[in-house]
Protein backbone atom coordinates (compact mmCIF):
# COMPACT_ATOMS: atom_id res chain seq x y z
CA MET A 1 85.33 112.86 59.02
CA ARG A 2 87.85 110.54 57.38
CA TRP A 3 91.42 111.16 58.54
CA LYS A 4 92.83 110.20 55.19
CA ALA A 5 91.85 113.72 54.12
CA LEU A 6 94.67 114.95 56.32
CA PHE A 7 97.37 112.88 54.70
CA LEU A 8 100.29 114.67 53.10
CA LEU A 9 99.41 116.41 49.88
CA ALA A 10 101.67 114.55 47.48
CA LEU A 11 102.81 116.99 44.88
CA THR A 12 104.46 115.93 41.67
CA ALA A 13 107.74 117.26 40.43
CA CYS A 14 106.07 119.78 38.18
CA SER A 15 106.80 123.40 39.07
CA TRP A 16 104.08 125.47 40.75
CA GLY A 17 105.38 128.64 39.21
CA GLU A 18 104.94 131.22 41.98
CA ARG A 19 102.11 129.43 43.75
CA VAL A 20 102.81 128.68 47.41
CA PRO A 21 100.40 126.53 49.49
CA SER A 22 98.84 128.24 52.48
CA GLU A 23 98.26 124.92 54.29
CA ILE A 24 100.01 121.55 54.25
CA LYS A 25 98.65 118.56 56.16
CA LEU A 26 100.97 115.73 57.09
CA GLY A 27 99.80 112.16 57.55
CA TYR A 28 100.16 109.98 60.61
CA SER A 29 103.62 109.01 59.45
CA GLY A 30 104.82 112.49 60.33
CA ASP A 31 107.09 112.90 57.31
CA GLY A 32 106.90 113.50 53.59
CA SER A 33 107.91 116.17 51.10
CA PHE A 34 106.44 118.97 49.01
CA TRP A 35 107.53 121.19 46.15
CA LEU A 36 108.05 124.85 46.86
CA GLY A 37 107.08 126.78 43.74
CA VAL A 38 109.74 129.47 43.83
CA PRO A 39 111.13 130.57 40.40
CA HIS A 40 114.55 129.35 39.35
CA ASN A 41 117.44 131.14 41.17
CA ALA A 42 115.00 133.00 43.44
CA ALA A 43 116.23 133.10 47.05
CA TRP A 44 113.90 131.71 49.72
CA GLU A 45 113.94 130.77 53.41
CA LEU A 46 111.31 129.19 55.65
CA LEU A 47 111.45 130.32 59.28
CA PRO A 48 109.25 129.03 62.13
CA VAL A 49 107.04 131.63 63.74
CA GLU A 50 107.33 129.71 67.04
CA PRO A 51 110.94 128.97 68.07
CA SER A 52 109.95 125.61 69.59
CA SER A 53 108.48 124.28 66.34
CA TRP A 54 107.99 120.50 66.19
CA LEU A 55 108.49 120.46 62.43
CA GLU A 56 111.84 120.07 60.67
CA LEU A 57 112.25 121.17 57.05
CA THR A 58 115.25 120.03 54.99
CA PRO A 59 116.48 122.24 53.46
CA ASN A 60 114.92 125.32 55.02
CA LYS A 61 116.51 127.80 52.60
CA GLY A 62 118.12 127.99 49.16
CA LEU A 63 117.41 128.94 45.55
CA GLY A 64 114.17 127.95 43.80
CA PRO A 65 112.64 125.71 42.86
CA ALA A 66 113.07 123.15 45.64
CA GLN A 67 111.66 119.96 47.08
CA ILE A 68 111.50 120.12 50.88
CA ARG A 69 111.38 117.12 53.15
CA LEU A 70 109.16 117.39 56.23
CA ARG A 71 109.65 115.54 59.51
CA ALA A 72 107.56 115.90 62.65
CA ARG A 73 109.67 115.86 65.82
CA GLY A 74 107.81 113.45 68.07
CA ASP A 75 109.72 114.66 71.13
CA ARG A 76 108.40 118.20 70.60
CA LEU A 77 104.79 117.62 69.55
CA PRO A 78 102.19 119.13 71.88
CA GLU A 79 99.55 117.08 73.67
CA ALA A 80 96.79 117.52 71.07
CA SER A 81 94.98 115.44 68.48
CA LEU A 82 96.07 117.84 65.77
CA ALA A 83 99.31 119.78 66.12
CA GLU A 84 99.70 123.04 64.22
CA THR A 85 102.62 125.33 63.47
CA THR A 86 103.27 128.24 61.13
CA TYR A 87 106.29 129.05 58.98
CA ARG A 88 107.07 132.31 57.25
CA LEU A 89 108.45 132.24 53.70
CA SER A 90 110.88 135.11 53.16
CA GLY A 91 113.33 136.15 50.48
CA ASP A 92 112.23 136.85 46.91
CA LEU A 93 108.77 135.48 47.67
CA LYS A 94 106.66 136.28 50.75
CA ALA A 95 104.07 133.87 52.15
CA THR A 96 102.81 132.16 55.29
CA ILE A 97 102.29 128.39 55.44
CA ARG A 98 100.44 126.50 58.18
CA PHE A 99 101.39 122.88 58.80
CA PHE A 100 99.15 120.32 60.53
CA GLN A 101 100.05 116.97 62.08
CA PRO A 102 97.41 114.45 63.25
CA GLN A 103 98.21 112.30 66.29
CA VAL A 104 96.75 109.14 67.83
CA ARG A 105 95.25 109.25 71.34
CA LEU A 106 97.01 106.43 73.18
CA THR A 107 95.33 105.12 76.36
CA GLY A 108 95.96 102.26 78.76
CA ARG A 109 96.34 101.30 82.39
CA LEU A 110 99.32 100.32 84.55
CA VAL A 111 98.45 97.37 86.78
CA GLU A 112 100.29 95.89 89.74
CA ALA A 113 101.55 92.35 89.23
CA PRO A 114 99.60 90.28 91.82
CA ALA A 115 102.58 88.75 93.62
CA LEU A 116 104.37 92.06 93.94
CA GLY A 117 101.19 93.79 95.00
CA GLU A 118 100.85 91.41 97.96
CA SER A 119 104.43 91.76 99.16
CA ARG A 120 105.04 95.43 98.46
CA LEU A 121 106.77 97.27 101.27
CA PRO A 122 105.31 100.49 102.66
CA GLY A 123 106.80 103.71 101.41
CA VAL A 124 108.91 105.86 103.71
CA GLY A 125 107.34 109.18 104.62
CA LEU A 126 109.40 112.30 104.02
CA ARG A 127 107.68 114.53 106.56
CA PRO A 128 109.77 115.71 109.54
CA ARG A 129 109.72 113.15 112.36
CA SER A 130 108.60 114.12 115.86
CA LEU A 131 111.34 114.15 118.51
CA PRO A 132 111.24 111.83 121.53
CA ALA A 133 110.81 113.30 125.01
CA PRO A 134 113.84 115.14 126.48
CA THR A 135 116.47 112.81 127.93
CA GLY A 136 116.74 114.71 131.21
CA GLU A 137 120.50 114.32 130.95
CA ILE A 138 123.32 116.86 130.82
CA LEU A 139 126.59 116.55 128.90
CA VAL A 140 129.52 118.40 130.42
CA LYS A 141 133.18 118.88 129.51
CA LEU A 142 135.57 119.50 132.39
CA ARG A 143 138.57 121.73 132.26
CA SER A 144 141.96 120.04 132.41
CA GLY A 145 142.77 118.70 135.87
CA GLN A 146 139.20 118.75 137.20
CA ARG A 147 137.80 115.75 139.06
CA PRO A 148 134.58 114.11 137.81
CA LEU A 149 132.43 115.38 140.71
CA LEU A 150 130.36 118.53 140.18
CA ASP A 151 127.93 120.34 142.46
CA GLY A 152 127.44 117.18 144.45
CA GLN A 153 126.57 115.25 141.27
CA ARG A 154 128.69 112.32 140.14
CA LEU A 155 129.06 111.78 136.40
CA LEU A 156 127.30 108.65 135.18
CA ASN A 157 129.79 108.23 132.35
CA PHE A 158 133.17 109.91 131.90
CA ASP A 159 135.69 109.79 129.04
CA PRO A 160 139.06 110.97 130.44
CA ARG A 161 140.56 111.59 127.02
CA ALA A 162 137.69 113.87 125.88
CA ARG A 163 137.09 115.06 129.48
CA MET A 164 133.37 114.68 128.69
CA GLY A 165 130.80 113.10 130.92
CA LYS A 166 127.06 112.70 131.44
CA LEU A 167 124.92 113.23 134.49
CA ARG A 168 121.21 113.16 135.29
CA SER A 169 119.35 115.43 137.68
CA SER A 170 115.82 116.73 138.20
CA ASP A 171 117.24 120.04 139.43
CA PRO A 172 116.15 122.63 136.78
CA GLY A 173 118.89 125.07 137.79
CA LEU A 174 121.77 122.61 137.55
CA LEU A 175 122.59 123.30 133.89
CA GLU A 176 123.13 127.02 134.47
CA ARG A 177 125.20 126.40 137.62
CA LEU A 178 127.42 124.01 135.70
CA ARG A 179 127.93 126.55 132.93
CA ALA A 180 128.98 129.12 135.52
CA SER A 181 131.38 126.74 137.25
CA PRO A 182 135.09 127.59 136.75
CA GLY A 183 135.91 123.89 136.39
CA VAL A 184 133.54 123.40 133.45
CA GLU A 185 134.48 124.16 129.86
CA TRP A 186 130.91 123.72 128.61
CA ALA A 187 127.62 122.05 129.52
CA GLU A 188 124.53 121.28 127.43
CA PRO A 189 121.40 119.11 127.44
CA ASN A 190 121.87 115.64 125.96
CA GLY A 191 119.54 116.08 122.99
CA TRP A 192 118.40 113.82 120.16
CA VAL A 193 119.60 113.52 116.59
CA GLN A 194 117.43 112.20 113.75
CA ALA A 195 117.88 110.33 110.52
CA GLN A 196 118.46 112.85 107.76
CA GLY A 197 115.41 113.74 105.69
CA GLU A 198 114.58 115.97 102.78
CA PRO A 199 115.40 119.65 103.27
CA THR A 200 112.81 121.88 104.87
CA ASP A 201 114.15 125.05 103.24
CA GLU A 202 111.28 127.35 102.33
CA LEU A 203 111.93 127.53 98.57
CA TYR A 204 112.91 123.87 98.20
CA PRO A 205 109.40 122.82 96.99
CA GLN A 206 109.91 125.04 93.94
CA GLN A 207 113.16 123.26 93.02
CA TRP A 208 111.40 120.68 90.83
CA TYR A 209 114.65 119.71 89.15
CA LEU A 210 115.91 118.03 92.33
CA ARG A 211 112.95 115.68 92.13
CA SER A 212 113.33 115.11 88.37
CA THR A 213 116.85 113.75 88.79
CA GLY A 214 116.19 111.90 92.05
CA THR A 215 118.66 114.20 93.80
CA ARG A 216 115.99 114.72 96.47
CA PHE A 217 117.05 111.34 97.91
CA ALA A 218 120.70 112.29 98.39
CA TYR A 219 120.05 112.55 102.13
CA LEU A 220 119.97 108.73 102.20
CA GLY A 221 123.62 108.60 101.14
CA SER A 222 126.80 108.71 103.20
CA PHE A 223 129.32 111.42 102.29
CA ALA A 224 132.67 111.83 104.01
CA ARG A 225 135.20 112.85 101.37
CA PRO A 226 135.58 116.62 100.80
CA VAL A 227 135.23 117.53 97.11
CA THR A 228 135.83 120.80 95.27
CA VAL A 229 133.92 121.91 92.18
CA ALA A 230 135.47 124.85 90.33
CA VAL A 231 132.83 127.21 88.92
CA VAL A 232 134.48 129.22 86.15
CA ASP A 233 132.00 132.03 85.63
CA THR A 234 131.17 135.63 86.59
CA GLY A 235 132.43 135.22 90.12
CA VAL A 236 130.21 134.82 93.16
CA ARG A 237 128.61 136.80 95.97
CA TYR A 238 130.38 135.64 99.12
CA ASP A 239 127.82 137.55 101.18
CA HIS A 240 124.89 135.42 100.05
CA PRO A 241 123.74 133.66 103.25
CA ASP A 242 122.76 130.46 101.43
CA LEU A 243 126.39 129.98 100.36
CA ALA A 244 127.98 130.59 103.76
CA GLY A 245 130.60 127.93 104.48
CA ARG A 246 130.18 126.38 101.02
CA LEU A 247 132.75 128.41 99.08
CA VAL A 248 136.52 128.43 98.76
CA LEU A 249 137.49 131.88 100.00
CA PRO A 250 139.88 134.54 98.71
CA GLY A 251 143.32 133.55 99.95
CA GLU A 252 142.42 129.84 99.78
CA GLY A 253 142.66 129.58 95.99
CA ALA A 254 139.70 131.52 94.60
CA TYR A 255 140.80 133.88 91.83
CA ASP A 256 139.62 136.67 89.54
CA PHE A 257 141.09 136.41 86.02
CA VAL A 258 139.30 139.60 84.97
CA ASP A 259 140.82 141.99 87.50
CA GLY A 260 143.87 139.85 88.27
CA ASP A 261 143.40 139.45 92.03
CA PRO A 262 142.43 136.67 94.48
CA ASP A 263 138.90 138.01 95.12
CA PRO A 264 136.36 136.74 92.52
CA THR A 265 133.39 138.60 94.01
CA ASP A 266 130.86 139.30 91.26
CA PRO A 267 130.77 143.13 90.90
CA GLY A 268 127.50 143.28 88.96
CA ASP A 269 125.52 142.40 85.86
CA THR A 270 124.68 145.14 83.39
CA LEU A 271 122.11 142.93 81.61
CA ASN A 272 120.07 141.89 84.65
CA PRO A 273 121.07 143.97 87.68
CA THR A 274 118.12 142.96 89.89
CA ALA A 275 118.82 139.21 89.87
CA GLY A 276 121.95 138.94 87.89
CA SER A 277 124.82 137.08 89.44
CA HIS A 278 125.17 134.18 87.01
CA GLY A 279 128.07 132.69 88.95
CA THR A 280 126.12 132.85 92.21
CA HIS A 281 123.16 131.13 90.53
CA VAL A 282 125.38 128.32 89.22
CA SER A 283 127.18 127.97 92.56
CA GLY A 284 123.88 127.71 94.43
CA ILE A 285 122.69 124.93 92.13
CA VAL A 286 125.78 122.97 93.14
CA THR A 287 126.04 123.55 96.85
CA ALA A 288 123.63 126.02 98.51
CA ARG A 289 123.36 125.06 102.17
CA SER A 290 120.35 123.50 103.84
CA GLY A 291 118.68 124.84 106.96
CA ALA A 292 118.19 128.26 108.49
CA ASN A 293 120.66 130.96 107.50
CA THR A 294 122.61 132.75 110.20
CA LEU A 295 121.96 136.12 108.58
CA PRO A 296 118.55 137.91 108.59
CA PRO A 297 115.88 136.79 106.09
CA GLN A 298 116.52 137.82 102.51
CA CYS A 299 114.01 138.67 99.83
CA TYR A 300 113.19 136.42 96.92
CA GLU A 301 112.20 138.61 93.98
CA ASP A 302 109.58 137.25 91.59
CA SER A 303 105.89 137.57 90.76
CA GLN A 304 105.08 136.78 94.39
CA PRO A 305 107.88 138.27 96.50
CA VAL A 306 108.52 136.59 99.82
CA CYS A 307 111.35 136.68 102.33
CA SER A 308 113.09 133.50 103.34
CA GLN A 309 115.20 132.56 106.34
CA SER A 310 116.32 129.34 104.65
CA GLY A 311 116.06 129.81 100.85
CA THR A 312 117.05 126.97 98.49
CA VAL A 313 119.36 123.97 98.62
CA GLY A 314 122.08 122.86 96.24
CA ALA A 315 122.16 119.43 94.65
CA ALA A 316 125.18 118.54 96.82
CA TRP A 317 123.86 120.07 100.05
CA ALA A 318 124.18 116.78 101.96
CA ALA A 319 127.90 116.35 101.25
CA PRO A 320 131.09 118.27 102.10
CA VAL A 321 131.23 119.80 98.63
CA ARG A 322 132.61 123.30 98.20
CA VAL A 323 132.59 125.55 95.16
CA LEU A 324 135.85 127.17 94.05
CA PRO A 325 134.79 130.46 92.41
CA ILE A 326 136.97 131.55 89.50
CA ARG A 327 135.95 134.73 87.71
CA VAL A 328 136.53 134.97 83.95
CA LEU A 329 133.40 136.87 82.79
CA ASP A 330 132.92 140.63 83.17
CA ALA A 331 129.75 142.56 84.06
CA GLY A 332 128.49 142.10 80.51
CA GLY A 333 128.91 138.33 80.71
CA ASN A 334 131.89 138.31 78.34
CA GLY A 335 135.28 136.68 78.74
CA THR A 336 138.25 135.86 76.52
CA PHE A 337 139.41 132.45 75.32
CA GLU A 338 142.70 133.19 77.05
CA ALA A 339 141.10 133.84 80.45
CA VAL A 340 138.89 130.75 80.33
CA ALA A 341 141.72 128.49 79.14
CA THR A 342 143.99 129.80 81.88
CA ALA A 343 141.26 129.31 84.49
CA ILE A 344 140.71 125.69 83.40
CA ARG A 345 144.39 124.90 83.73
CA TYR A 346 144.59 126.75 87.06
CA ALA A 347 141.57 124.82 88.47
CA ALA A 348 143.23 121.56 87.42
CA GLY A 349 146.27 122.40 89.58
CA LEU A 350 148.62 123.38 86.75
CA THR A 351 150.99 126.32 87.13
CA VAL A 352 149.82 129.32 85.08
CA ARG A 353 151.18 132.76 84.31
CA TRP A 354 148.70 135.67 84.42
CA GLN A 355 149.38 139.40 84.25
CA GLY A 356 152.96 138.96 85.43
CA GLN A 357 152.08 136.58 88.25
CA THR A 358 152.78 132.87 88.57
CA LEU A 359 149.77 131.08 90.05
CA GLN A 360 149.13 127.55 91.24
CA LEU A 361 146.06 126.29 93.08
CA PRO A 362 147.03 124.69 96.43
CA GLN A 363 144.35 121.98 96.11
CA PRO A 364 143.12 121.19 92.56
CA ALA A 365 139.42 120.81 91.89
CA SER A 366 137.99 117.38 91.03
CA VAL A 367 135.33 118.82 88.72
CA ILE A 368 135.39 122.00 86.63
CA ASN A 369 132.02 123.52 85.70
CA LEU A 370 131.87 125.73 82.60
CA SER A 371 128.43 127.32 82.18
CA LEU A 372 129.74 129.42 79.32
CA GLY A 373 131.05 129.07 75.79
CA SER A 374 131.20 130.23 72.19
CA LEU A 375 130.03 129.09 68.77
CA GLN A 376 133.54 129.91 67.56
CA TYR A 377 136.10 127.13 67.73
CA SER A 378 139.04 127.75 70.06
CA GLN A 379 142.18 125.64 70.08
CA ALA A 380 143.18 127.36 73.34
CA LEU A 381 140.02 126.14 75.07
CA CYS A 382 140.33 122.58 73.74
CA ASP A 383 144.01 122.39 74.68
CA ALA A 384 143.15 123.50 78.23
CA VAL A 385 140.38 120.89 78.47
CA SER A 386 142.82 118.23 77.30
CA GLU A 387 145.40 119.26 79.90
CA ALA A 388 142.81 119.19 82.67
CA LEU A 389 141.71 115.70 81.64
CA GLN A 390 145.32 114.54 81.75
CA GLN A 391 145.40 115.72 85.37
CA GLY A 392 142.42 113.48 86.11
CA VAL A 393 139.97 116.39 86.43
CA LEU A 394 136.47 116.20 84.93
CA VAL A 395 135.39 119.11 82.71
CA VAL A 396 131.62 119.66 82.59
CA ALA A 397 130.36 122.25 80.09
CA ALA A 398 127.03 123.73 79.02
CA ALA A 399 126.04 122.38 75.58
CA GLY A 400 124.89 125.83 74.39
CA ASN A 401 121.63 127.78 73.98
CA TYR A 402 121.48 128.31 70.21
CA GLN A 403 119.46 125.35 68.91
CA ASP A 404 116.50 127.52 67.86
CA VAL A 405 118.67 129.92 65.85
CA ASN A 406 121.69 127.79 64.90
CA PRO A 407 120.58 124.16 65.19
CA GLY A 408 123.25 121.56 65.67
CA ALA A 409 126.13 124.03 65.66
CA PRO A 410 129.09 123.00 67.86
CA PHE A 411 129.58 125.03 71.03
CA TYR A 412 132.93 125.33 72.78
CA PRO A 413 134.31 124.18 75.18
CA ALA A 414 131.42 121.65 75.36
CA SER A 415 132.42 120.35 71.92
CA CYS A 416 136.09 119.95 72.86
CA PRO A 417 137.19 116.28 72.97
CA GLY A 418 136.71 114.80 76.43
CA ALA A 419 134.46 117.55 77.80
CA LEU A 420 131.12 116.39 79.22
CA GLY A 421 128.60 118.50 77.29
CA VAL A 422 125.28 118.87 79.13
CA GLY A 423 122.00 119.48 77.29
CA ALA A 424 118.86 120.91 78.91
CA THR A 425 115.36 119.49 79.41
CA ASP A 426 112.12 121.09 80.59
CA LEU A 427 109.61 120.14 83.29
CA ASN A 428 108.30 117.33 81.07
CA TYR A 429 111.75 115.85 80.36
CA ARG A 430 111.71 117.07 76.76
CA PRO A 431 114.70 118.83 75.14
CA THR A 432 114.26 122.56 75.48
CA PHE A 433 113.90 124.73 72.39
CA TYR A 434 117.28 126.37 73.02
CA SER A 435 119.43 123.37 74.01
CA GLN A 436 122.08 122.56 71.43
CA GLN A 437 121.71 119.14 69.80
CA ASN A 438 124.87 117.65 68.35
CA LYS A 439 127.46 114.91 68.82
CA ALA A 440 129.04 116.77 71.74
CA VAL A 441 126.01 116.33 74.03
CA THR A 442 127.14 113.73 76.56
CA LEU A 443 124.20 113.80 78.97
CA SER A 444 121.18 115.94 79.79
CA ALA A 445 119.73 117.52 82.92
CA PRO A 446 116.95 120.00 83.75
CA GLY A 447 117.60 123.44 82.31
CA GLY A 448 114.03 124.72 82.47
CA ASP A 449 111.82 126.87 80.29
CA THR A 450 110.43 130.10 81.74
CA ARG A 451 108.33 131.10 78.73
CA GLY A 452 105.20 129.64 80.32
CA GLY A 453 105.97 131.17 83.71
CA ALA A 454 108.98 131.65 85.96
CA ALA A 455 108.30 128.43 87.90
CA GLY A 456 109.31 126.42 84.83
CA GLY A 457 112.88 127.60 85.32
CA ILE A 458 115.69 126.59 87.67
CA LEU A 459 115.49 128.38 91.02
CA SER A 460 118.74 129.26 92.76
CA THR A 461 120.70 131.94 94.59
CA THR A 462 121.24 135.35 92.94
CA TRP A 463 121.93 138.96 93.87
CA ASP A 464 120.11 142.27 93.51
CA PHE A 465 122.73 144.87 92.61
CA THR A 466 120.20 147.75 92.65
CA PHE A 467 118.91 147.55 96.24
CA LYS A 468 119.31 150.77 98.24
CA ASP A 469 119.46 151.28 101.99
CA ALA A 470 117.49 153.85 103.98
CA ASN A 471 119.94 156.55 102.87
CA GLN A 472 119.38 155.66 99.20
CA LYS A 473 122.86 154.23 98.92
CA VAL A 474 123.13 151.23 96.59
CA VAL A 475 124.25 148.36 98.80
CA GLY A 476 122.74 145.32 97.04
CA ARG A 477 121.20 142.30 98.70
CA PRO A 478 120.92 138.55 98.18
CA ASN A 479 117.86 137.11 96.52
CA TYR A 480 116.64 134.16 94.43
CA ALA A 481 115.55 133.85 90.81
CA PHE A 482 114.49 131.37 88.14
CA TYR A 483 116.91 131.06 85.21
CA MET A 484 116.74 128.77 82.19
CA GLY A 485 119.61 127.46 80.09
CA THR A 486 122.22 124.79 79.64
CA SER A 487 124.13 126.93 82.15
CA GLN A 488 121.70 125.61 84.75
CA ALA A 489 121.84 121.99 83.54
CA ALA A 490 125.64 121.71 83.68
CA PRO A 491 126.08 122.38 87.44
CA GLN A 492 123.57 119.64 88.25
CA ALA A 493 125.82 117.16 86.46
CA SER A 494 128.86 118.63 88.24
CA ALA A 495 127.13 118.27 91.61
CA ALA A 496 126.15 114.66 90.84
CA LEU A 497 129.78 113.79 90.07
CA ALA A 498 130.88 115.52 93.27
CA LEU A 499 128.37 113.47 95.28
CA LEU A 500 129.71 110.25 93.80
CA LEU A 501 133.28 111.23 94.64
CA SER A 502 132.29 112.20 98.18
CA SER A 503 130.40 108.95 98.74
CA ASP A 504 133.24 106.65 97.66
CA PRO A 505 136.82 107.68 98.47
CA THR A 506 138.16 104.97 96.14
CA LEU A 507 136.62 106.57 93.05
CA THR A 508 138.71 108.64 90.68
CA PRO A 509 136.88 111.42 88.80
CA THR A 510 137.00 109.34 85.61
CA ALA A 511 135.55 106.33 87.42
CA ALA A 512 132.83 108.54 88.90
CA TRP A 513 131.77 109.59 85.41
CA GLU A 514 131.75 106.00 84.16
CA ARG A 515 129.50 104.99 87.04
CA LEU A 516 127.14 107.90 86.45
CA LYS A 517 127.09 107.21 82.70
CA THR A 518 125.88 103.63 83.17
CA ARG A 519 123.00 104.86 85.37
CA LEU A 520 121.67 107.58 83.08
CA THR A 521 118.03 107.29 82.01
CA ASP A 522 117.70 106.62 78.29
CA LEU A 523 115.18 109.08 76.84
CA GLY A 524 114.51 109.98 73.21
CA THR A 525 115.94 107.70 70.54
CA PRO A 526 117.22 104.43 72.09
CA GLY A 527 120.94 104.67 72.79
CA ARG A 528 122.98 107.82 72.52
CA ASP A 529 121.33 110.70 70.63
CA ASP A 530 122.11 114.36 69.97
CA ALA A 531 119.41 115.72 72.31
CA TYR A 532 119.90 113.66 75.50
CA GLY A 533 123.41 112.33 74.92
CA TYR A 534 123.83 109.01 76.72
CA GLY A 535 120.81 109.81 78.85
CA PHE A 536 119.11 111.98 81.45
CA LEU A 537 120.75 112.55 84.83
CA SER A 538 119.63 109.99 87.43
CA LEU A 539 121.31 109.96 90.83
CA PRO A 540 119.77 107.32 93.18
CA THR A 541 121.03 104.20 91.41
CA ALA A 542 124.42 105.81 90.74
CA LEU A 543 124.80 106.39 94.49
CA GLY A 544 123.45 102.93 95.27
CA LEU A 545 120.69 104.37 97.46
CA ASN A 546 118.21 101.92 98.97
CA LEU A 547 114.88 103.52 98.11
CA PRO A 548 111.47 102.25 99.20
CA PRO A 549 109.36 100.76 96.37
CA GLY A 550 107.65 103.49 94.38
CA PRO A 551 104.53 103.58 92.21
CA LEU A 552 104.34 102.23 88.67
CA ALA A 553 105.45 104.50 85.84
CA ALA A 554 105.84 104.10 82.08
CA THR A 555 107.89 105.60 79.27
CA LEU A 556 107.64 105.35 75.48
CA GLN A 557 110.56 104.79 73.13
CA GLY A 558 109.76 105.33 69.47
CA PRO A 559 108.49 108.07 67.15
CA SER A 560 107.10 110.14 70.08
CA PRO A 561 109.40 109.33 73.02
CA HIS A 562 108.21 110.64 76.39
CA PRO A 563 107.01 109.57 79.86
CA LEU A 564 103.38 108.49 80.22
CA LEU A 565 101.80 110.15 83.25
CA ALA A 566 99.29 107.91 85.04
CA ASP A 567 96.57 108.87 87.53
CA ALA A 568 96.00 107.26 90.93
CA ASP A 569 94.16 104.36 89.24
CA GLY A 570 97.04 103.75 86.81
CA ARG A 571 95.21 105.13 83.76
CA PHE A 572 97.23 107.12 81.23
CA SER A 573 96.35 109.06 78.11
CA SER A 574 98.69 110.74 75.65
CA TYR A 575 98.91 111.82 72.02
CA VAL A 576 101.58 110.16 69.87
CA LEU A 577 102.56 109.60 66.26
CA ALA A 578 101.59 106.27 64.75
CA GLY A 579 104.38 103.69 64.61
CA ALA A 580 106.29 100.99 66.46
CA TYR A 581 107.13 101.62 70.14
CA THR A 582 108.71 99.99 73.13
CA LEU A 583 106.60 100.78 76.18
CA ARG A 584 108.47 100.26 79.45
CA VAL A 585 106.56 99.82 82.71
CA CYS A 586 108.72 100.19 85.81
CA ARG A 587 108.71 100.46 89.56
CA ASP A 588 109.38 104.20 89.91
CA ASP A 589 111.39 104.11 93.13
CA SER A 590 112.88 107.56 92.52
CA ALA A 591 109.32 108.93 92.20
CA ASN A 592 110.13 111.15 89.22
CA GLY A 593 107.72 109.64 86.70
CA LEU A 594 110.55 108.05 84.67
CA CYS A 595 111.85 104.53 84.24
CA ASP A 596 115.38 105.21 85.43
CA GLY A 597 118.29 102.88 84.91
CA GLY A 598 118.41 100.23 87.63
CA GLU A 599 114.68 100.34 88.44
CA ALA A 600 112.80 97.05 87.96
CA SER A 601 110.96 97.18 84.64
CA ARG A 602 109.06 95.22 81.98
CA ASP A 603 109.02 96.05 78.25
CA TYR A 604 106.09 95.76 75.86
CA ALA A 605 106.23 95.95 72.07
CA LEU A 606 103.47 98.30 70.92
CA GLN A 607 102.31 99.07 67.39
CA VAL A 608 100.20 102.23 67.34
CA PRO A 609 98.06 102.23 64.17
CA PRO A 610 97.19 105.35 62.13
CA GLN A 611 93.74 106.05 63.57
CA LEU A 612 91.96 108.43 65.89
CA SER A 613 92.71 106.50 69.10
CA PHE A 614 94.27 103.27 70.34
CA GLU A 615 93.73 101.41 73.63
CA ALA A 616 96.84 99.57 74.86
CA GLY A 617 94.90 97.72 77.59
CA ASN A 618 96.21 96.63 80.99
CA LEU A 619 99.98 96.58 81.36
CA LEU A 620 101.44 94.64 84.28
CA GLY A 621 104.28 96.11 86.28
CA PRO A 622 107.56 94.26 86.85
């Protein structure tokens, strides 16, 4: 079969009358145009049957007749030799048109450079380390005025200021006798500590987004500075065990701008009552704790329900980062411009007036997270963002979830000047079908896509508002759920900024953003674009983490930009549009399959011809 038969049907400017083609086949170039034979002044509109369509039509509606330009979106094409999508023609003329796009099978192999292959350092294992044998020593703190001699045992070391000493004895009953002694404040075995490793929380393996952004390696950082992230949302469930100790409490500055009181506990979600605390989900993405919870195991509701003693972890679990919950959305998920604007100013430390009360936050937040917004412009929101920025506070906002129904439309407050608008990507680092694409997108982060299964979403803390006790009384209980949306992408960016601020006390919030910006991974069109912004969130190089050398990875920049996944032997295979590419081979130290900023890399110029397949050959690593 000769592929030229699939080239775009070039139609002349003559009118087709009322004939409408049932099939249109694009060429390898992925663009072209065709005449739509709709009578003069007849209304028409072409709508994709699948919301994630890879094909763009310009215009997609109007009055007949019309010439329509076609463009295949290389960042949305499926992995197939021939992509297919269907559009529905509606208006004064009804029809269905199928579009086809041929692709080239690109193959090649990533090969270690010989010198580097000989000197490569071993990778660091992430499995829990085994503990050394017990020390056989006892630490003891004496009460004030006590002499350092206990039960006939002299302390080997003694710090008078701390009144703490160490002794060694083979007597197995000594520890309990010391604890019972009136001259002892406390006694305990002298145990071992270990270098911090990846979390062992039960649901952590399902948090793929922490690996995508390299946040999994945050445990290698050093974090001393306390940081507060304000989550302006539906409120939070303070009784969720995975958030214990990670939230600013009522009376400490948390506030409810819906009910006008200092307790922003989320009262419920009428749209999703079984796993529906949006604010709790966002808060957990930022700062859910690591390790076993102090409360009993809680149930994780999904296709395979399990109970977990440890749950998930937040992106900033390794740092002293707390979430300041501020409630502005009601049980239906709705809030006013006034409430959100007031909450932004309040979180930034400005004095506000609300329902007859004058309010000022004792300790302003460094980052404000806004996983909310509107397609309607609001001067109140943009003024509040501007005031927060003047206070030196970063404002991070979801870019919006309307790309499939209102492509490119601005979304506020993400589109307000100075706000950091965050777009969403899926498991494969591609822009999601819903993520708004416009000039306001500043950066991108995983937002997930649950259409192919819940595990493609972002897993975090939620709440079941319907759970009943043994007496059939509705009491609710904590749980976990997968969400998708730019609402889930934004808090990952907020957490990354909080980690930077915690790691370097000299950084201002603005300086933290500038550092993160220069370390973003450039995906999609080279440079800033409307889907990824300045790039995809990448944490290790921004934190200056010293990672062990990783495997080789490769990414494509060009008509079909995406990572190239290689097998254990370095072979890769992918379908792409024909055209000119830059193929980057890198040392993937962050182990996320991407060539992140700061990772050693080598670029190759690659011209993919319009044919069935193309072999790129062996490509040496950096």
